[in-house]
Protein backbone atom coordinates (compact mmCIF):
# COMPACT_ATOMS: atom_id res chain seq x y z
CA MET A 1 -0.02 0.05 0.05
CA LYS A 2 1.66 3.19 -0.67
CA ASN A 3 1.03 6.48 1.23
CA ALA A 4 1.65 10.17 0.82
CA LEU A 5 0.82 13.10 2.68
CA ILE A 6 0.15 16.41 1.04
CA ILE A 7 0.87 19.73 2.77
CA SER A 8 -0.39 22.81 1.04
CA LYS A 9 -2.23 26.45 2.28
CA THR A 10 -5.04 25.90 -0.38
CA GLU A 11 -7.87 23.05 -0.66
CA ALA A 12 -7.55 23.39 -4.66
CA SER A 13 -3.67 22.54 -4.73
CA ILE A 14 -4.40 19.47 -2.78
CA LYS A 15 -7.18 18.08 -4.69
CA ALA A 16 -4.77 18.70 -7.40
CA VAL A 17 -2.06 16.81 -6.01
CA THR A 18 -4.46 14.40 -4.68
CA SER A 19 -5.74 13.61 -7.81
CA LEU A 20 -2.59 12.94 -9.44
CA LEU A 21 -0.74 10.48 -6.52
CA GLU A 22 -4.18 8.63 -6.73
CA GLY A 23 -3.36 7.96 -10.12
CA GLU A 24 -0.27 6.73 -9.52
CA GLY A 25 -1.44 4.34 -6.97
CA TYR A 26 -1.33 5.97 -3.89
CA ASP A 27 -3.95 4.43 -1.59
CA GLU A 28 -3.31 6.50 1.24
CA VAL A 29 -3.14 10.15 0.66
CA GLN A 30 -3.57 12.39 4.01
CA CYS A 31 -3.42 16.03 3.70
CA THR A 32 -2.93 19.20 5.63
CA LEU A 33 -3.19 23.08 5.64
CA SER A 34 -0.69 23.41 8.41
CA VAL A 35 3.23 22.55 9.36
CA GLU A 36 1.89 21.82 12.88
CA ASP A 37 -0.55 19.10 12.00
CA ALA A 38 1.63 17.89 9.45
CA LYS A 39 4.11 17.23 12.05
CA GLU A 40 2.09 15.33 14.38
CA LYS A 41 0.56 13.05 11.11
CA LEU A 42 4.71 12.55 10.46
CA SER A 43 5.04 11.55 14.55
CA ASN A 44 2.21 9.12 14.20
CA ASN A 45 2.39 7.74 10.75
CA SER A 46 5.20 6.51 8.03
CA PHE A 47 4.77 7.81 4.44
CA GLU A 48 6.63 6.88 1.32
CA LEU A 49 6.04 10.41 -0.36
CA ILE A 50 5.46 14.23 1.19
CA VAL A 51 4.62 16.72 -1.30
CA ILE A 52 5.08 20.29 0.18
CA ASN A 53 3.42 22.61 -1.88
CA ALA A 54 5.02 26.28 -0.88
CA PRO A 55 4.89 28.54 0.42
CA LEU A 56 2.74 27.10 3.55
CA CYS A 57 0.89 28.98 5.92
CA GLY A 58 3.24 30.76 8.25
CA GLU A 59 6.32 29.63 6.08
CA ASN A 60 8.14 29.36 3.06
CA GLY A 61 8.20 25.37 2.83
CA LEU A 62 12.02 25.30 3.15
CA GLU A 63 12.42 24.60 6.74
CA PHE A 64 9.40 22.05 6.84
CA SER A 65 11.01 20.25 3.78
CA ALA A 66 14.50 20.26 5.66
CA TYR A 67 12.64 19.17 8.70
CA CYS A 68 11.12 16.33 6.84
CA SER A 69 14.14 15.09 5.27
CA ARG A 70 16.18 15.01 8.76
CA LYS A 71 13.06 12.97 10.77
CA THR A 72 11.75 10.77 7.93
CA LYS A 73 12.85 8.41 5.14
CA ALA A 74 9.90 9.36 2.97
CA CYS A 75 10.92 10.62 -0.70
CA ILE A 76 9.87 14.55 -0.28
CA ILE A 77 8.65 16.67 -3.16
CA LEU A 78 9.08 20.57 -2.88
CA VAL A 79 6.63 22.37 -5.03
CA VAL A 80 7.78 26.12 -5.45
CA ALA A 81 6.88 28.92 -7.93
CA LYS A 82 8.89 28.56 -11.15
CA GLU A 83 10.73 32.14 -10.93
CA LYS A 84 12.26 30.64 -7.54
CA ALA A 85 12.65 27.00 -8.53
CA ILE A 86 16.57 27.21 -9.51
CA GLU A 87 17.52 29.20 -6.53
CA VAL A 88 15.37 26.71 -4.07
CA PHE A 89 16.52 23.81 -5.53
CA ASP A 90 20.29 25.23 -4.67
CA MET A 91 19.29 25.46 -1.05
CA MET A 92 17.28 21.84 -0.68
CA ASP A 93 20.02 19.63 -2.77
CA SER A 94 21.91 18.43 0.17
CA TYR A 95 18.79 17.76 2.14
CA GLY A 96 17.94 15.23 -1.00
CA VAL A 97 14.25 17.21 -1.37
CA LEU A 98 13.43 17.28 -5.22
CA VAL A 99 12.44 20.68 -5.93
CA VAL A 100 9.40 20.57 -9.06
CA SER A 101 8.24 23.99 -10.52
CA LYS A 102 4.53 25.29 -10.50
CA PRO A 103 2.45 24.74 -12.52
CA LEU A 104 2.72 20.76 -12.17
CA ASN A 105 2.74 19.15 -15.45
CA ARG A 106 0.78 15.66 -15.23
CA LYS A 107 3.58 13.56 -17.32
CA LEU A 108 6.73 15.20 -15.39
CA PHE A 109 5.27 14.66 -12.23
CA LYS A 110 4.38 11.13 -12.82
CA ASN A 111 8.04 10.80 -13.76
CA TYR A 112 8.98 12.67 -10.48
CA ILE A 113 6.97 10.41 -8.33
CA THR A 114 8.53 7.36 -10.45
CA TYR A 115 11.99 8.28 -9.71
CA SER A 116 11.43 9.37 -6.07
CA ALA A 117 10.36 5.61 -5.55
CA ALA A 118 12.91 4.31 -7.33
CA PHE A 119 15.74 6.21 -5.61
CA LYS A 120 13.44 5.07 -2.03
CA ASP A 121 13.96 1.64 -3.07
CA ARG A 122 17.85 1.57 -3.60
CA LEU A 123 18.29 3.53 -0.23
CA THR A 124 16.26 1.04 1.28
CA ALA A 125 18.28 -1.83 -0.19
CA ALA A 126 21.31 -0.04 0.84
CA GLU A 127 19.94 0.32 4.53
CA LYS A 128 19.06 -3.03 4.80
CA GLU A 129 22.27 -4.40 3.28
CA ASN A 130 24.51 -1.79 6.03
CA GLU A 131 22.17 -3.58 8.58
CA LYS A 132 23.10 -6.76 7.77
CA LEU A 133 26.85 -6.05 7.31
CA LYS A 134 26.82 -4.07 10.83
CA ASN A 135 25.06 -7.42 12.33
CA GLU A 136 27.36 -9.66 10.57
CA LEU A 137 30.24 -7.83 12.22
CA GLU A 138 29.19 -8.19 15.64
CA GLU A 139 29.10 -11.68 15.22
CA ILE A 140 32.54 -11.73 14.18
CA LYS A 141 33.33 -9.63 17.01
CA VAL A 142 31.51 -12.26 19.55
CA ILE A 143 33.29 -14.93 17.85
CA ASN A 144 36.24 -13.57 18.56
CA ARG A 145 35.74 -12.46 21.75
CA ALA A 146 34.92 -16.01 22.62
CA LYS A 147 38.29 -17.65 20.90
CA LEU A 148 40.43 -15.17 22.64
CA LEU A 149 39.28 -16.46 25.59
CA LEU A 150 39.61 -20.12 24.82
CA ILE A 151 43.41 -19.52 23.86
CA GLN A 152 43.58 -17.62 27.23
CA CYS A 153 41.61 -19.67 29.61
CA LEU A 154 41.84 -23.26 27.99
CA SER A 155 45.53 -22.54 26.09
CA MET A 156 43.85 -23.28 22.92
CA THR A 157 45.24 -22.00 19.30
CA GLU A 158 43.67 -20.22 17.33
CA ALA A 159 42.84 -22.58 14.94
CA GLN A 160 41.89 -25.36 18.03
CA ALA A 161 39.93 -22.44 19.08
CA HIS A 162 38.25 -21.74 16.05
CA ARG A 163 36.97 -25.65 15.10
CA TYR A 164 36.28 -25.82 18.70
CA LEU A 165 33.26 -23.80 18.10
CA GLU A 166 32.22 -25.17 14.71
CA LYS A 167 32.40 -28.70 16.42
CA GLN A 168 30.26 -27.27 19.66
CA ALA A 169 27.83 -25.81 17.21
CA MET A 170 27.29 -28.91 14.85
CA ASN A 171 27.05 -30.89 17.75
CA MET A 172 24.34 -28.90 19.58
CA ARG A 173 22.62 -27.77 16.42
CA THR A 174 22.96 -24.22 17.02
CA SER A 175 24.97 -21.46 15.65
CA ARG A 176 28.50 -20.18 16.08
CA LEU A 177 27.41 -17.01 17.65
CA ASN A 178 25.02 -19.08 20.34
CA ILE A 179 28.47 -21.07 21.54
CA ALA A 180 30.55 -18.19 21.31
CA LYS A 181 28.21 -16.46 23.53
CA GLN A 182 28.30 -19.42 26.19
CA VAL A 183 31.97 -19.62 25.92
CA ILE A 184 31.93 -15.82 27.15
CA ARG A 185 29.45 -16.35 29.64
CA THR A 186 31.81 -19.38 31.06
CA TYR A 187 34.64 -18.05 31.06
CA GLN A 188 34.64 -14.11 31.19
CA ASN A 189 35.37 -13.03 34.28
């Protein structure tokens, strides 16, 4: 299920963007006219896409775009007046906010959404890979700590400690990590 949040100061622009998003398969589109309400929605929900139609009530939309970039993993599209687009792009580029000029072209907006989703998918895959590598590194640290304890406490060589952990894991039908944790509990002071 694809979901989005739209923030704009006018109902007309909310309806127009909602129509575009629904046409692109967004099932759940939440809308708001205020930054405060948008922040509340962000604290209670996770969105794939945030569309900000600048200016907003009480601010130009740039601060809120930066806020969304820091606080969420959503793709953020900031819609601004044509004459300000290049200037705003330069300011928002470092936040990863896609800046689009008004008036919205349906076909271009569809492309922006597609590219944003593809970028988000790539980012999510990279984050998952990063998390997997962090877990593997932590596992290696625990196993190496267990080997060190076996070497220190039982006068094993590194090869013997390695073989011991593997053999125990195979015999007990569990992972080397579980055996390493048991060794650490047993021999750590």
